[in-house]
Amino acid sequence: MLKRLFVSLFLLVSGFAYAELPSGLVSISTSASTAVAPDEYVASVSVQHIDRVAAVAADEVNRAMQNAQALAAQRQIELYSGGYNTYFDRKNNRFVMSATATLVADDSARLAELIAELQSSMNYNGTAGRLKPDTRAASENDLIAEAIAKFHDRARLVANSLGGNSYRIYDLDVQTQGEPPYRPMAMMRSSVQAESVAAPSIELDDEQVSVSVRGRIVVEGL
């Protein structure tokens, strides 16, 4: 009995939901995008040392990381440790110690100079560009206005093409892509450890920022 009552109520509610949809309902979607030059740069560096004595391998890696932290601070560049890893190479009877670090700067030239200094004791793994949150938000706000303007243009076109005299927005959904995950670009892995290394050339593509608008309109006067 309860099951039959539930089914009856479901059909009744569903019927009302469909009945409430207005006539002349049309779905429309638009989008807007732009290329924005990155204003923040993220580089990856790493260091590895191999020795028969674990403490010696660890000490060399720690020295390289401490030196990187000091040089980054001098250039007002943020450094984030990516963690340490140690394992014993049984084949060669050696301890292998490694560590990674991430450098974040808002000036590519200053970052390149730091990388050149660090390459005397560390490996350079690559650099990626990204947008600061405020920069991305400002670009998205401009694109939202553009995409909604396109939505209205298309809505007028649809209404006129269908023979209507006006339209009203029934519902509207605005979507932004958000910040993409970090992905190293301009990969230039180098294990050169010399007294002097030329600064790498950091030339990154602009980042695509996009906004999509989806909604439904009711064409009136049909």
N, C-alpha and C. Protein backbone atom coordinates (compact mmCIF):
# COMPACT_ATOMS: atom_id res chain seq x y z
N MET A 1 0.83 -1.21 0.00
CA MET A 1 0.00 0.00 0.00
C MET A 1 0.86 1.26 0.00
N LEU A 2 1.90 1.25 0.90
CA LEU A 2 2.79 2.42 0.98
C LEU A 2 3.56 2.60 -0.32
N LYS A 3 4.00 1.49 -0.90
CA LYS A 3 4.75 1.55 -2.15
C LYS A 3 3.88 2.13 -3.25
N ARG A 4 2.63 1.70 -3.31
CA ARG A 4 1.70 2.20 -4.34
C ARG A 4 1.44 3.69 -4.14
N LEU A 5 1.34 4.12 -2.87
CA LEU A 5 1.11 5.54 -2.57
C LEU A 5 2.31 6.38 -2.98
N PHE A 6 3.53 5.86 -2.73
CA PHE A 6 4.75 6.58 -3.09
C PHE A 6 4.83 6.77 -4.60
N VAL A 7 4.56 5.71 -5.35
CA VAL A 7 4.59 5.80 -6.81
C VAL A 7 3.58 6.81 -7.31
N SER A 8 2.39 6.82 -6.72
CA SER A 8 1.35 7.76 -7.14
C SER A 8 1.78 9.19 -6.89
N LEU A 9 2.38 9.44 -5.71
CA LEU A 9 2.85 10.79 -5.39
C LEU A 9 3.96 11.22 -6.34
N PHE A 10 4.88 10.29 -6.65
CA PHE A 10 5.98 10.61 -7.56
C PHE A 10 5.45 11.01 -8.93
N LEU A 11 4.51 10.26 -9.44
CA LEU A 11 3.94 10.58 -10.75
C LEU A 11 3.20 11.91 -10.71
N LEU A 12 2.55 12.20 -9.60
CA LEU A 12 1.81 13.44 -9.47
C LEU A 12 2.77 14.63 -9.45
N VAL A 13 3.84 14.53 -8.65
CA VAL A 13 4.83 15.61 -8.58
C VAL A 13 5.52 15.79 -9.91
N SER A 14 5.90 14.67 -10.56
CA SER A 14 6.55 14.75 -11.86
C SER A 14 5.65 15.43 -12.87
N GLY A 15 4.38 15.11 -12.82
CA GLY A 15 3.44 15.73 -13.75
C GLY A 15 3.36 17.22 -13.55
N PHE A 16 3.35 17.67 -12.27
CA PHE A 16 3.33 19.11 -12.00
C PHE A 16 4.60 19.77 -12.49
N ALA A 17 5.77 19.07 -12.32
CA ALA A 17 7.05 19.66 -12.73
C ALA A 17 7.08 19.90 -14.22
N TYR A 18 6.61 18.91 -14.98
CA TYR A 18 6.59 19.09 -16.43
C TYR A 18 5.56 20.13 -16.84
N ALA A 19 4.45 20.18 -16.13
CA ALA A 19 3.39 21.12 -16.49
C ALA A 19 3.81 22.56 -16.24
N GLU A 20 4.73 22.76 -15.28
CA GLU A 20 5.15 24.11 -14.93
C GLU A 20 6.11 24.72 -15.94
N LEU A 21 6.72 23.93 -16.79
CA LEU A 21 7.64 24.47 -17.78
C LEU A 21 6.87 25.32 -18.78
N PRO A 22 7.31 26.55 -18.99
CA PRO A 22 6.59 27.43 -19.91
C PRO A 22 6.82 27.05 -21.36
N SER A 23 5.92 27.44 -22.21
CA SER A 23 6.11 27.22 -23.64
C SER A 23 7.11 28.23 -24.17
N GLY A 24 7.73 27.91 -25.28
CA GLY A 24 8.73 28.81 -25.86
C GLY A 24 10.05 28.77 -25.14
N LEU A 25 10.31 27.65 -24.43
CA LEU A 25 11.55 27.52 -23.67
C LEU A 25 12.67 27.04 -24.59
N VAL A 26 13.79 27.79 -24.63
CA VAL A 26 14.91 27.48 -25.53
C VAL A 26 16.21 27.51 -24.74
N SER A 27 17.08 26.52 -24.96
CA SER A 27 18.39 26.47 -24.32
C SER A 27 19.43 27.19 -25.17
N ILE A 28 20.29 27.96 -24.53
CA ILE A 28 21.32 28.73 -25.23
C ILE A 28 22.63 28.61 -24.46
N SER A 29 23.74 28.56 -25.18
CA SER A 29 25.05 28.55 -24.53
C SER A 29 26.00 29.45 -25.29
N THR A 30 26.85 30.14 -24.56
CA THR A 30 27.88 31.00 -25.15
C THR A 30 29.14 30.87 -24.32
N SER A 31 30.24 31.40 -24.84
CA SER A 31 31.50 31.37 -24.10
C SER A 31 32.37 32.54 -24.52
N ALA A 32 33.36 32.81 -23.72
CA ALA A 32 34.33 33.86 -24.02
C ALA A 32 35.67 33.43 -23.46
N SER A 33 36.75 33.75 -24.16
CA SER A 33 38.08 33.36 -23.70
C SER A 33 39.10 34.40 -24.11
N THR A 34 40.22 34.39 -23.44
CA THR A 34 41.30 35.32 -23.75
C THR A 34 42.62 34.71 -23.30
N ALA A 35 43.70 35.17 -23.90
CA ALA A 35 45.04 34.73 -23.52
C ALA A 35 45.65 35.78 -22.60
N VAL A 36 46.16 35.34 -21.47
CA VAL A 36 46.74 36.24 -20.48
C VAL A 36 48.17 35.81 -20.18
N ALA A 37 49.08 36.76 -20.22
CA ALA A 37 50.48 36.45 -19.93
C ALA A 37 50.64 36.08 -18.46
N PRO A 38 51.39 35.04 -18.15
CA PRO A 38 51.57 34.65 -16.75
C PRO A 38 52.27 35.75 -15.96
N ASP A 39 51.87 35.92 -14.72
CA ASP A 39 52.52 36.91 -13.87
C ASP A 39 53.14 36.26 -12.62
N GLU A 40 53.23 34.94 -12.66
CA GLU A 40 53.92 34.21 -11.59
C GLU A 40 54.59 33.00 -12.22
N TYR A 41 55.81 32.71 -11.76
CA TYR A 41 56.61 31.65 -12.38
C TYR A 41 57.00 30.63 -11.31
N VAL A 42 56.87 29.36 -11.67
CA VAL A 42 57.13 28.26 -10.74
C VAL A 42 58.19 27.35 -11.35
N ALA A 43 59.33 27.24 -10.68
CA ALA A 43 60.42 26.41 -11.18
C ALA A 43 60.67 25.24 -10.23
N SER A 44 61.16 24.16 -10.78
CA SER A 44 61.47 22.97 -9.99
C SER A 44 62.97 22.68 -10.07
N VAL A 45 63.59 22.48 -8.92
CA VAL A 45 65.00 22.10 -8.86
C VAL A 45 65.13 20.89 -7.95
N SER A 46 66.21 20.14 -8.13
CA SER A 46 66.42 18.95 -7.30
C SER A 46 67.91 18.72 -7.10
N VAL A 47 68.22 17.91 -6.12
CA VAL A 47 69.61 17.58 -5.84
C VAL A 47 69.68 16.11 -5.43
N GLN A 48 70.78 15.47 -5.81
CA GLN A 48 70.97 14.07 -5.45
C GLN A 48 72.44 13.83 -5.13
N HIS A 49 72.69 13.06 -4.09
CA HIS A 49 74.07 12.71 -3.75
C HIS A 49 74.12 11.23 -3.39
N ILE A 50 75.20 10.58 -3.84
CA ILE A 50 75.39 9.15 -3.62
C ILE A 50 76.68 8.93 -2.85
N ASP A 51 76.62 8.12 -1.80
CA ASP A 51 77.81 7.87 -0.99
C ASP A 51 77.66 6.55 -0.25
N ARG A 52 78.79 5.97 0.13
CA ARG A 52 78.75 4.74 0.91
C ARG A 52 78.21 4.98 2.32
N VAL A 53 78.38 6.21 2.78
CA VAL A 53 77.93 6.57 4.13
C VAL A 53 76.66 7.41 4.02
N ALA A 54 75.60 6.97 4.65
CA ALA A 54 74.32 7.67 4.55
C ALA A 54 74.41 9.10 5.06
N ALA A 55 75.14 9.29 6.15
CA ALA A 55 75.25 10.63 6.74
C ALA A 55 75.94 11.61 5.80
N VAL A 56 76.91 11.12 5.05
CA VAL A 56 77.62 11.99 4.10
C VAL A 56 76.68 12.40 2.96
N ALA A 57 75.92 11.45 2.44
CA ALA A 57 74.97 11.75 1.37
C ALA A 57 73.93 12.75 1.85
N ALA A 58 73.43 12.54 3.07
CA ALA A 58 72.42 13.45 3.61
C ALA A 58 73.00 14.84 3.84
N ASP A 59 74.24 14.90 4.32
CA ASP A 59 74.87 16.20 4.59
C ASP A 59 75.03 17.01 3.31
N GLU A 60 75.44 16.36 2.23
CA GLU A 60 75.63 17.08 0.96
C GLU A 60 74.30 17.62 0.43
N VAL A 61 73.26 16.81 0.54
CA VAL A 61 71.94 17.26 0.08
C VAL A 61 71.43 18.41 0.95
N ASN A 62 71.62 18.29 2.26
CA ASN A 62 71.17 19.36 3.16
C ASN A 62 71.91 20.66 2.88
N ARG A 63 73.20 20.57 2.61
CA ARG A 63 73.98 21.77 2.30
C ARG A 63 73.44 22.46 1.04
N ALA A 64 73.13 21.66 0.03
CA ALA A 64 72.61 22.22 -1.22
C ALA A 64 71.25 22.89 -0.99
N MET A 65 70.40 22.27 -0.20
CA MET A 65 69.08 22.84 0.08
C MET A 65 69.18 24.11 0.91
N GLN A 66 70.08 24.11 1.90
CA GLN A 66 70.28 25.31 2.72
C GLN A 66 70.82 26.46 1.88
N ASN A 67 71.74 26.14 0.97
CA ASN A 67 72.28 27.16 0.07
C ASN A 67 71.18 27.72 -0.83
N ALA A 68 70.31 26.84 -1.32
CA ALA A 68 69.21 27.28 -2.18
C ALA A 68 68.27 28.21 -1.41
N GLN A 69 67.98 27.86 -0.17
CA GLN A 69 67.10 28.71 0.64
C GLN A 69 67.70 30.08 0.86
N ALA A 70 69.01 30.13 1.12
CA ALA A 70 69.68 31.41 1.36
C ALA A 70 69.69 32.28 0.11
N LEU A 71 70.02 31.68 -1.03
CA LEU A 71 70.06 32.44 -2.29
C LEU A 71 68.67 32.91 -2.69
N ALA A 72 67.66 32.08 -2.48
CA ALA A 72 66.29 32.47 -2.81
C ALA A 72 65.84 33.64 -1.95
N ALA A 73 66.18 33.61 -0.67
CA ALA A 73 65.81 34.69 0.23
C ALA A 73 66.47 36.00 -0.19
N GLN A 74 67.72 35.93 -0.65
CA GLN A 74 68.43 37.13 -1.10
C GLN A 74 67.72 37.78 -2.27
N ARG A 75 67.14 36.98 -3.13
CA ARG A 75 66.46 37.49 -4.33
C ARG A 75 64.96 37.64 -4.12
N GLN A 76 64.51 37.48 -2.90
CA GLN A 76 63.09 37.62 -2.56
C GLN A 76 62.22 36.67 -3.40
N ILE A 77 62.69 35.44 -3.48
CA ILE A 77 61.98 34.39 -4.19
C ILE A 77 61.58 33.32 -3.18
N GLU A 78 60.34 32.88 -3.25
CA GLU A 78 59.86 31.87 -2.30
C GLU A 78 60.37 30.49 -2.68
N LEU A 79 60.78 29.73 -1.68
CA LEU A 79 61.25 28.36 -1.90
C LEU A 79 60.45 27.42 -1.00
N TYR A 80 59.91 26.37 -1.60
CA TYR A 80 59.15 25.37 -0.86
C TYR A 80 59.81 24.00 -1.06
N SER A 81 60.13 23.36 0.05
CA SER A 81 60.75 22.05 -0.02
C SER A 81 59.73 21.01 -0.46
N GLY A 82 60.14 20.16 -1.40
CA GLY A 82 59.25 19.12 -1.89
C GLY A 82 59.44 17.79 -1.18
N GLY A 83 60.34 17.76 -0.20
CA GLY A 83 60.56 16.53 0.54
C GLY A 83 61.88 15.86 0.18
N TYR A 84 62.28 14.92 1.02
CA TYR A 84 63.54 14.19 0.86
C TYR A 84 63.24 12.71 0.63
N ASN A 85 64.18 12.06 -0.04
CA ASN A 85 64.03 10.63 -0.30
C ASN A 85 65.39 9.95 -0.17
N THR A 86 65.43 8.84 0.55
CA THR A 86 66.67 8.09 0.74
C THR A 86 66.42 6.61 0.49
N TYR A 87 67.35 5.98 -0.24
CA TYR A 87 67.26 4.52 -0.39
C TYR A 87 68.67 3.96 -0.55
N PHE A 88 68.80 2.68 -0.31
CA PHE A 88 70.10 2.01 -0.40
C PHE A 88 70.18 1.24 -1.70
N ASP A 89 71.18 1.55 -2.50
CA ASP A 89 71.42 0.87 -3.77
C ASP A 89 72.27 -0.36 -3.49
N ARG A 90 71.64 -1.51 -3.38
CA ARG A 90 72.36 -2.73 -3.02
C ARG A 90 73.35 -3.16 -4.10
N LYS A 91 73.02 -2.91 -5.34
CA LYS A 91 73.90 -3.33 -6.43
C LYS A 91 75.25 -2.64 -6.35
N ASN A 92 75.23 -1.33 -6.05
CA ASN A 92 76.47 -0.56 -5.98
C ASN A 92 76.92 -0.28 -4.56
N ASN A 93 76.15 -0.80 -3.60
CA ASN A 93 76.50 -0.62 -2.19
C ASN A 93 76.65 0.86 -1.84
N ARG A 94 75.64 1.63 -2.22
CA ARG A 94 75.67 3.08 -1.99
C ARG A 94 74.31 3.55 -1.45
N PHE A 95 74.37 4.62 -0.66
CA PHE A 95 73.16 5.31 -0.23
C PHE A 95 72.86 6.44 -1.20
N VAL A 96 71.62 6.54 -1.62
CA VAL A 96 71.21 7.59 -2.55
C VAL A 96 70.24 8.52 -1.82
N MET A 97 70.62 9.78 -1.72
CA MET A 97 69.80 10.78 -1.04
C MET A 97 69.41 11.84 -2.05
N SER A 98 68.13 12.22 -2.09
CA SER A 98 67.67 13.24 -3.03
C SER A 98 66.65 14.15 -2.36
N ALA A 99 66.48 15.33 -2.93
CA ALA A 99 65.49 16.29 -2.43
C ALA A 99 65.06 17.18 -3.58
N THR A 100 63.86 17.70 -3.50
CA THR A 100 63.34 18.61 -4.51
C THR A 100 62.86 19.90 -3.85
N ALA A 101 62.82 20.95 -4.64
CA ALA A 101 62.34 22.24 -4.14
C ALA A 101 61.61 22.96 -5.26
N THR A 102 60.64 23.77 -4.87
CA THR A 102 59.87 24.58 -5.82
C THR A 102 60.15 26.04 -5.55
N LEU A 103 60.46 26.78 -6.61
CA LEU A 103 60.73 28.21 -6.51
C LEU A 103 59.57 28.97 -7.12
N VAL A 104 59.11 30.00 -6.45
CA VAL A 104 57.98 30.81 -6.93
C VAL A 104 58.41 32.26 -6.96
N ALA A 105 58.28 32.89 -8.14
CA ALA A 105 58.69 34.29 -8.30
C ALA A 105 57.73 35.01 -9.23
N ASP A 106 57.67 36.33 -9.10
CA ASP A 106 56.83 37.12 -10.00
C ASP A 106 57.67 37.83 -11.06
N ASP A 107 58.96 37.51 -11.11
CA ASP A 107 59.86 38.11 -12.10
C ASP A 107 60.69 36.99 -12.72
N SER A 108 60.49 36.75 -14.01
CA SER A 108 61.17 35.63 -14.67
C SER A 108 62.67 35.84 -14.77
N ALA A 109 63.11 37.09 -14.94
CA ALA A 109 64.54 37.37 -15.06
C ALA A 109 65.25 37.07 -13.74
N ARG A 110 64.64 37.51 -12.64
CA ARG A 110 65.24 37.26 -11.33
C ARG A 110 65.27 35.76 -11.02
N LEU A 111 64.23 35.06 -11.43
CA LEU A 111 64.18 33.61 -11.23
C LEU A 111 65.26 32.92 -12.06
N ALA A 112 65.45 33.35 -13.30
CA ALA A 112 66.46 32.75 -14.16
C ALA A 112 67.86 32.92 -13.58
N GLU A 113 68.12 34.09 -13.00
CA GLU A 113 69.43 34.34 -12.38
C GLU A 113 69.66 33.42 -11.19
N LEU A 114 68.61 33.20 -10.40
CA LEU A 114 68.73 32.30 -9.26
C LEU A 114 68.99 30.87 -9.73
N ILE A 115 68.27 30.44 -10.75
CA ILE A 115 68.45 29.08 -11.28
C ILE A 115 69.88 28.89 -11.75
N ALA A 116 70.45 29.91 -12.41
CA ALA A 116 71.83 29.82 -12.88
C ALA A 116 72.79 29.61 -11.71
N GLU A 117 72.54 30.30 -10.61
CA GLU A 117 73.38 30.12 -9.42
C GLU A 117 73.22 28.72 -8.83
N LEU A 118 72.00 28.25 -8.78
CA LEU A 118 71.73 26.96 -8.15
C LEU A 118 72.27 25.79 -8.96
N GLN A 119 72.45 25.96 -10.27
CA GLN A 119 72.89 24.85 -11.11
C GLN A 119 74.33 24.43 -10.85
N SER A 120 75.03 25.17 -10.00
CA SER A 120 76.37 24.73 -9.61
C SER A 120 76.29 23.53 -8.66
N SER A 121 75.12 23.32 -8.05
CA SER A 121 74.98 22.21 -7.10
C SER A 121 73.65 21.47 -7.21
N MET A 122 72.76 21.93 -8.10
CA MET A 122 71.44 21.32 -8.21
C MET A 122 71.05 21.11 -9.66
N ASN A 123 70.05 20.28 -9.88
CA ASN A 123 69.50 20.05 -11.22
C ASN A 123 68.29 20.95 -11.44
N TYR A 124 68.20 21.52 -12.62
CA TYR A 124 67.05 22.35 -12.99
C TYR A 124 66.09 21.50 -13.79
N ASN A 125 64.85 21.38 -13.34
CA ASN A 125 63.88 20.48 -13.97
C ASN A 125 62.88 21.16 -14.89
N GLY A 126 62.73 22.48 -14.79
CA GLY A 126 61.79 23.16 -15.67
C GLY A 126 61.03 24.27 -14.97
N THR A 127 60.35 25.08 -15.75
CA THR A 127 59.59 26.21 -15.23
C THR A 127 58.20 26.25 -15.85
N ALA A 128 57.22 26.62 -15.05
CA ALA A 128 55.85 26.79 -15.53
C ALA A 128 55.37 28.18 -15.16
N GLY A 129 54.50 28.72 -15.98
CA GLY A 129 53.90 30.02 -15.68
C GLY A 129 52.46 29.85 -15.24
N ARG A 130 51.99 30.73 -14.40
CA ARG A 130 50.60 30.69 -13.97
C ARG A 130 50.14 32.10 -13.62
N LEU A 131 48.86 32.24 -13.40
CA LEU A 131 48.28 33.54 -13.07
C LEU A 131 48.05 33.63 -11.57
N LYS A 132 48.30 34.81 -11.02
CA LYS A 132 47.96 35.04 -9.62
C LYS A 132 46.43 35.04 -9.49
N PRO A 133 45.92 34.66 -8.33
CA PRO A 133 44.45 34.59 -8.14
C PRO A 133 43.73 35.88 -8.51
N ASP A 134 44.28 37.03 -8.12
CA ASP A 134 43.62 38.31 -8.43
C ASP A 134 43.61 38.58 -9.94
N THR A 135 44.70 38.21 -10.60
CA THR A 135 44.79 38.41 -12.05
C THR A 135 43.76 37.54 -12.77
N ARG A 136 43.67 36.27 -12.35
CA ARG A 136 42.70 35.35 -12.96
C ARG A 136 41.27 35.84 -12.72
N ALA A 137 40.99 36.29 -11.49
CA ALA A 137 39.64 36.74 -11.15
C ALA A 137 39.25 37.96 -11.98
N ALA A 138 40.19 38.90 -12.17
CA ALA A 138 39.90 40.10 -12.96
C ALA A 138 39.61 39.73 -14.41
N SER A 139 40.40 38.81 -14.96
CA SER A 139 40.17 38.37 -16.35
C SER A 139 38.83 37.66 -16.48
N GLU A 140 38.50 36.82 -15.50
CA GLU A 140 37.23 36.10 -15.54
C GLU A 140 36.04 37.05 -15.44
N ASN A 141 36.18 38.10 -14.63
CA ASN A 141 35.08 39.07 -14.51
C ASN A 141 34.80 39.75 -15.85
N ASP A 142 35.88 40.12 -16.55
CA ASP A 142 35.70 40.74 -17.88
C ASP A 142 35.04 39.76 -18.85
N LEU A 143 35.46 38.49 -18.77
CA LEU A 143 34.91 37.48 -19.68
C LEU A 143 33.46 37.15 -19.35
N ILE A 144 33.10 37.21 -18.08
CA ILE A 144 31.70 36.96 -17.70
C ILE A 144 30.79 38.00 -18.35
N ALA A 145 31.21 39.27 -18.28
CA ALA A 145 30.42 40.33 -18.91
C ALA A 145 30.32 40.11 -20.41
N GLU A 146 31.43 39.69 -21.03
CA GLU A 146 31.43 39.45 -22.48
C GLU A 146 30.54 38.26 -22.84
N ALA A 147 30.64 37.18 -22.08
CA ALA A 147 29.86 35.98 -22.38
C ALA A 147 28.36 36.22 -22.19
N ILE A 148 27.99 36.99 -21.16
CA ILE A 148 26.57 37.29 -20.94
C ILE A 148 26.03 38.20 -22.03
N ALA A 149 26.86 39.15 -22.49
CA ALA A 149 26.45 40.00 -23.61
C ALA A 149 26.20 39.15 -24.86
N LYS A 150 27.07 38.16 -25.10
CA LYS A 150 26.86 37.25 -26.22
C LYS A 150 25.58 36.44 -26.03
N PHE A 151 25.31 36.07 -24.79
CA PHE A 151 24.09 35.30 -24.50
C PHE A 151 22.85 36.12 -24.89
N HIS A 152 22.85 37.40 -24.53
CA HIS A 152 21.71 38.25 -24.88
C HIS A 152 21.60 38.43 -26.40
N ASP A 153 22.75 38.58 -27.07
CA ASP A 153 22.73 38.71 -28.54
C ASP A 153 22.11 37.47 -29.17
N ARG A 154 22.52 36.32 -28.68
CA ARG A 154 22.00 35.07 -29.25
C ARG A 154 20.52 34.89 -28.89
N ALA A 155 20.15 35.31 -27.69
CA ALA A 155 18.74 35.20 -27.29
C ALA A 155 17.85 36.06 -28.18
N ARG A 156 18.31 37.27 -28.50
CA ARG A 156 17.52 38.13 -29.39
C ARG A 156 17.41 37.51 -30.77
N LEU A 157 18.52 36.93 -31.25
CA LEU A 157 18.51 36.28 -32.56
C LEU A 157 17.52 35.11 -32.58
N VAL A 158 17.56 34.30 -31.54
CA VAL A 158 16.65 33.15 -31.46
C VAL A 158 15.20 33.61 -31.41
N ALA A 159 14.93 34.61 -30.58
CA ALA A 159 13.55 35.10 -30.45
C ALA A 159 13.03 35.65 -31.77
N ASN A 160 13.85 36.44 -32.45
CA ASN A 160 13.43 37.00 -33.74
C ASN A 160 13.25 35.91 -34.79
N SER A 161 14.17 34.93 -34.78
CA SER A 161 14.08 33.85 -35.78
C SER A 161 12.84 32.99 -35.58
N LEU A 162 12.39 32.88 -34.34
CA LEU A 162 11.20 32.08 -34.06
C LEU A 162 9.91 32.87 -34.20
N GLY A 163 10.03 34.16 -34.48
CA GLY A 163 8.84 34.98 -34.66
C GLY A 163 8.32 35.59 -33.37
N GLY A 164 9.13 35.56 -32.32
CA GLY A 164 8.71 36.16 -31.07
C GLY A 164 9.01 37.65 -31.05
N ASN A 165 8.43 38.35 -30.09
CA ASN A 165 8.67 39.79 -30.01
C ASN A 165 9.59 40.17 -28.85
N SER A 166 9.87 39.22 -27.97
CA SER A 166 10.77 39.48 -26.85
C SER A 166 11.15 38.15 -26.20
N TYR A 167 11.96 38.23 -25.18
CA TYR A 167 12.35 37.02 -24.45
C TYR A 167 12.64 37.40 -23.00
N ARG A 168 12.62 36.41 -22.16
CA ARG A 168 13.05 36.59 -20.78
C ARG A 168 13.90 35.40 -20.37
N ILE A 169 14.86 35.65 -19.49
CA ILE A 169 15.74 34.57 -19.05
C ILE A 169 15.02 33.71 -18.02
N TYR A 170 14.99 32.42 -18.28
CA TYR A 170 14.34 31.47 -17.37
C TYR A 170 15.32 31.00 -16.29
N ASP A 171 16.53 30.63 -16.71
CA ASP A 171 17.60 30.32 -15.76
C ASP A 171 18.94 30.54 -16.45
N LEU A 172 19.98 30.68 -15.64
CA LEU A 172 21.30 31.02 -16.19
C LEU A 172 22.38 30.41 -15.30
N ASP A 173 23.40 29.85 -15.94
CA ASP A 173 24.51 29.24 -15.20
C ASP A 173 25.82 29.76 -15.79
N VAL A 174 26.69 30.31 -14.94
CA VAL A 174 27.99 30.83 -15.36
C VAL A 174 29.07 29.94 -14.78
N GLN A 175 29.97 29.45 -15.63
CA GLN A 175 31.03 28.56 -15.18
C GLN A 175 32.39 29.10 -15.58
N THR A 176 33.33 29.06 -14.64
CA THR A 176 34.72 29.42 -14.91
C THR A 176 35.57 28.16 -14.79
N GLN A 177 36.70 28.15 -15.46
CA GLN A 177 37.52 26.94 -15.49
C GLN A 177 38.33 26.74 -14.22
N GLY A 178 38.57 27.81 -13.46
CA GLY A 178 39.40 27.68 -12.26
C GLY A 178 40.86 27.56 -12.62
N GLU A 179 41.69 27.46 -11.60
CA GLU A 179 43.13 27.38 -11.83
C GLU A 179 43.52 25.97 -12.23
N PRO A 180 44.26 25.81 -13.34
CA PRO A 180 44.68 24.48 -13.75
C PRO A 180 45.75 23.94 -12.80
N PRO A 181 45.89 22.62 -12.73
CA PRO A 181 46.93 22.06 -11.86
C PRO A 181 48.31 22.42 -12.36
N TYR A 182 49.25 22.49 -11.42
CA TYR A 182 50.64 22.82 -11.78
C TYR A 182 51.20 21.78 -12.73
N ARG A 183 51.76 22.25 -13.82
CA ARG A 183 52.38 21.35 -14.78
C ARG A 183 53.64 22.01 -15.31
N PRO A 184 54.82 21.43 -15.05
CA PRO A 184 56.06 22.05 -15.51
C PRO A 184 56.05 22.24 -17.02
N MET A 185 56.56 23.38 -17.45
CA MET A 185 56.67 23.69 -18.87
C MET A 185 58.11 24.08 -19.16
N ALA A 186 58.41 24.27 -20.42
CA ALA A 186 59.75 24.67 -20.84
C ALA A 186 60.78 23.77 -20.16
N MET A 187 60.55 22.45 -20.24
CA MET A 187 61.41 21.52 -19.54
C MET A 187 62.84 21.58 -20.05
N MET A 188 63.78 21.76 -19.12
CA MET A 188 65.19 21.84 -19.48
C MET A 188 66.00 21.12 -18.41
N ARG A 189 65.78 19.85 -18.22
CA ARG A 189 66.47 19.14 -17.15
C ARG A 189 67.97 19.19 -17.41
N SER A 190 68.71 19.61 -16.41
CA SER A 190 70.15 19.75 -16.55
C SER A 190 70.84 19.29 -15.28
N SER A 191 71.88 18.50 -15.43
CA SER A 191 72.65 18.05 -14.29
C SER A 191 74.02 18.72 -14.26
N VAL A 192 74.17 19.79 -15.02
CA VAL A 192 75.44 20.50 -15.05
C VAL A 192 75.72 21.09 -13.69
N GLN A 193 76.90 20.84 -13.16
CA GLN A 193 77.31 21.39 -11.89
C GLN A 193 78.68 22.02 -12.07
N ALA A 194 78.68 23.26 -12.51
CA ALA A 194 79.92 23.98 -12.78
C ALA A 194 79.94 25.25 -11.95
N GLU A 195 81.09 25.92 -11.97
CA GLU A 195 81.22 27.15 -11.21
C GLU A 195 80.30 28.23 -11.75
N SER A 196 80.12 28.25 -13.07
CA SER A 196 79.30 29.30 -13.68
C SER A 196 78.41 28.69 -14.76
N VAL A 197 77.13 28.94 -14.67
CA VAL A 197 76.17 28.44 -15.64
C VAL A 197 75.32 29.60 -16.14
N ALA A 198 75.12 29.66 -17.46
CA ALA A 198 74.31 30.75 -18.02
C ALA A 198 72.88 30.62 -17.54
N ALA A 199 72.23 31.76 -17.34
CA ALA A 199 70.84 31.76 -16.91
C ALA A 199 69.95 31.18 -18.00
N PRO A 200 69.02 30.30 -17.67
CA PRO A 200 68.13 29.72 -18.68
C PRO A 200 67.17 30.77 -19.24
N SER A 201 66.77 30.56 -20.47
CA SER A 201 65.79 31.45 -21.08
C SER A 201 64.39 30.95 -20.72
N ILE A 202 63.62 31.78 -20.03
CA ILE A 202 62.27 31.40 -19.61
C ILE A 202 61.26 32.13 -20.48
N GLU A 203 60.74 31.44 -21.47
CA GLU A 203 59.73 32.00 -22.37
C GLU A 203 58.53 31.06 -22.37
N LEU A 204 57.45 31.51 -21.76
CA LEU A 204 56.28 30.66 -21.58
C LEU A 204 55.09 31.19 -22.36
N ASP A 205 54.24 30.29 -22.80
CA ASP A 205 53.03 30.67 -23.53
C ASP A 205 52.04 31.36 -22.59
N ASP A 206 51.20 32.19 -23.20
CA ASP A 206 50.13 32.81 -22.42
C ASP A 206 49.15 31.73 -21.95
N GLU A 207 48.47 32.02 -20.88
CA GLU A 207 47.48 31.07 -20.35
C GLU A 207 46.09 31.44 -20.84
N GLN A 208 45.34 30.44 -21.26
CA GLN A 208 43.98 30.65 -21.73
C GLN A 208 43.01 30.69 -20.55
N VAL A 209 42.25 31.75 -20.47
CA VAL A 209 41.21 31.88 -19.44
C VAL A 209 39.87 31.90 -20.17
N SER A 210 38.94 31.10 -19.71
CA SER A 210 37.66 31.01 -20.41
C SER A 210 36.49 30.97 -19.43
N VAL A 211 35.35 31.41 -19.93
CA VAL A 211 34.11 31.42 -19.17
C VAL A 211 33.00 30.91 -20.08
N SER A 212 32.13 30.09 -19.56
CA SER A 212 30.99 29.60 -20.35
C SER A 212 29.69 29.98 -19.64
N VAL A 213 28.69 30.30 -20.45
CA VAL A 213 27.37 30.67 -19.93
C VAL A 213 26.34 29.77 -20.59
N ARG A 214 25.55 29.12 -19.78
CA ARG A 214 24.47 28.26 -20.28
C ARG A 214 23.18 28.66 -19.59
N GLY A 215 22.12 28.65 -20.35
CA GLY A 215 20.85 29.01 -19.74
C GLY A 215 19.68 28.73 -20.67
N ARG A 216 18.50 29.07 -20.19
CA ARG A 216 17.29 28.91 -20.99
C ARG A 216 16.52 30.22 -20.99
N ILE A 217 15.94 30.50 -22.13
CA ILE A 217 15.10 31.69 -22.26
C ILE A 217 13.68 31.27 -22.64
N VAL A 218 12.77 32.14 -22.35
CA VAL A 218 11.38 31.94 -22.77
C VAL A 218 11.08 32.98 -23.85
N VAL A 219 10.83 32.49 -25.05
CA VAL A 219 10.49 33.39 -26.16
C VAL A 219 9.01 33.75 -26.03
N GLU A 220 8.75 35.03 -25.98
CA GLU A 220 7.37 35.50 -25.79
C GLU A 220 6.81 36.06 -27.09
N GLY A 221 5.51 36.03 -27.21
CA GLY A 221 4.85 36.55 -28.39
C GLY A 221 4.73 35.56 -29.51
N LEU A 222 4.91 34.28 -29.22
CA LEU A 222 4.79 33.27 -30.28
C LEU A 222 3.32 32.97 -30.57
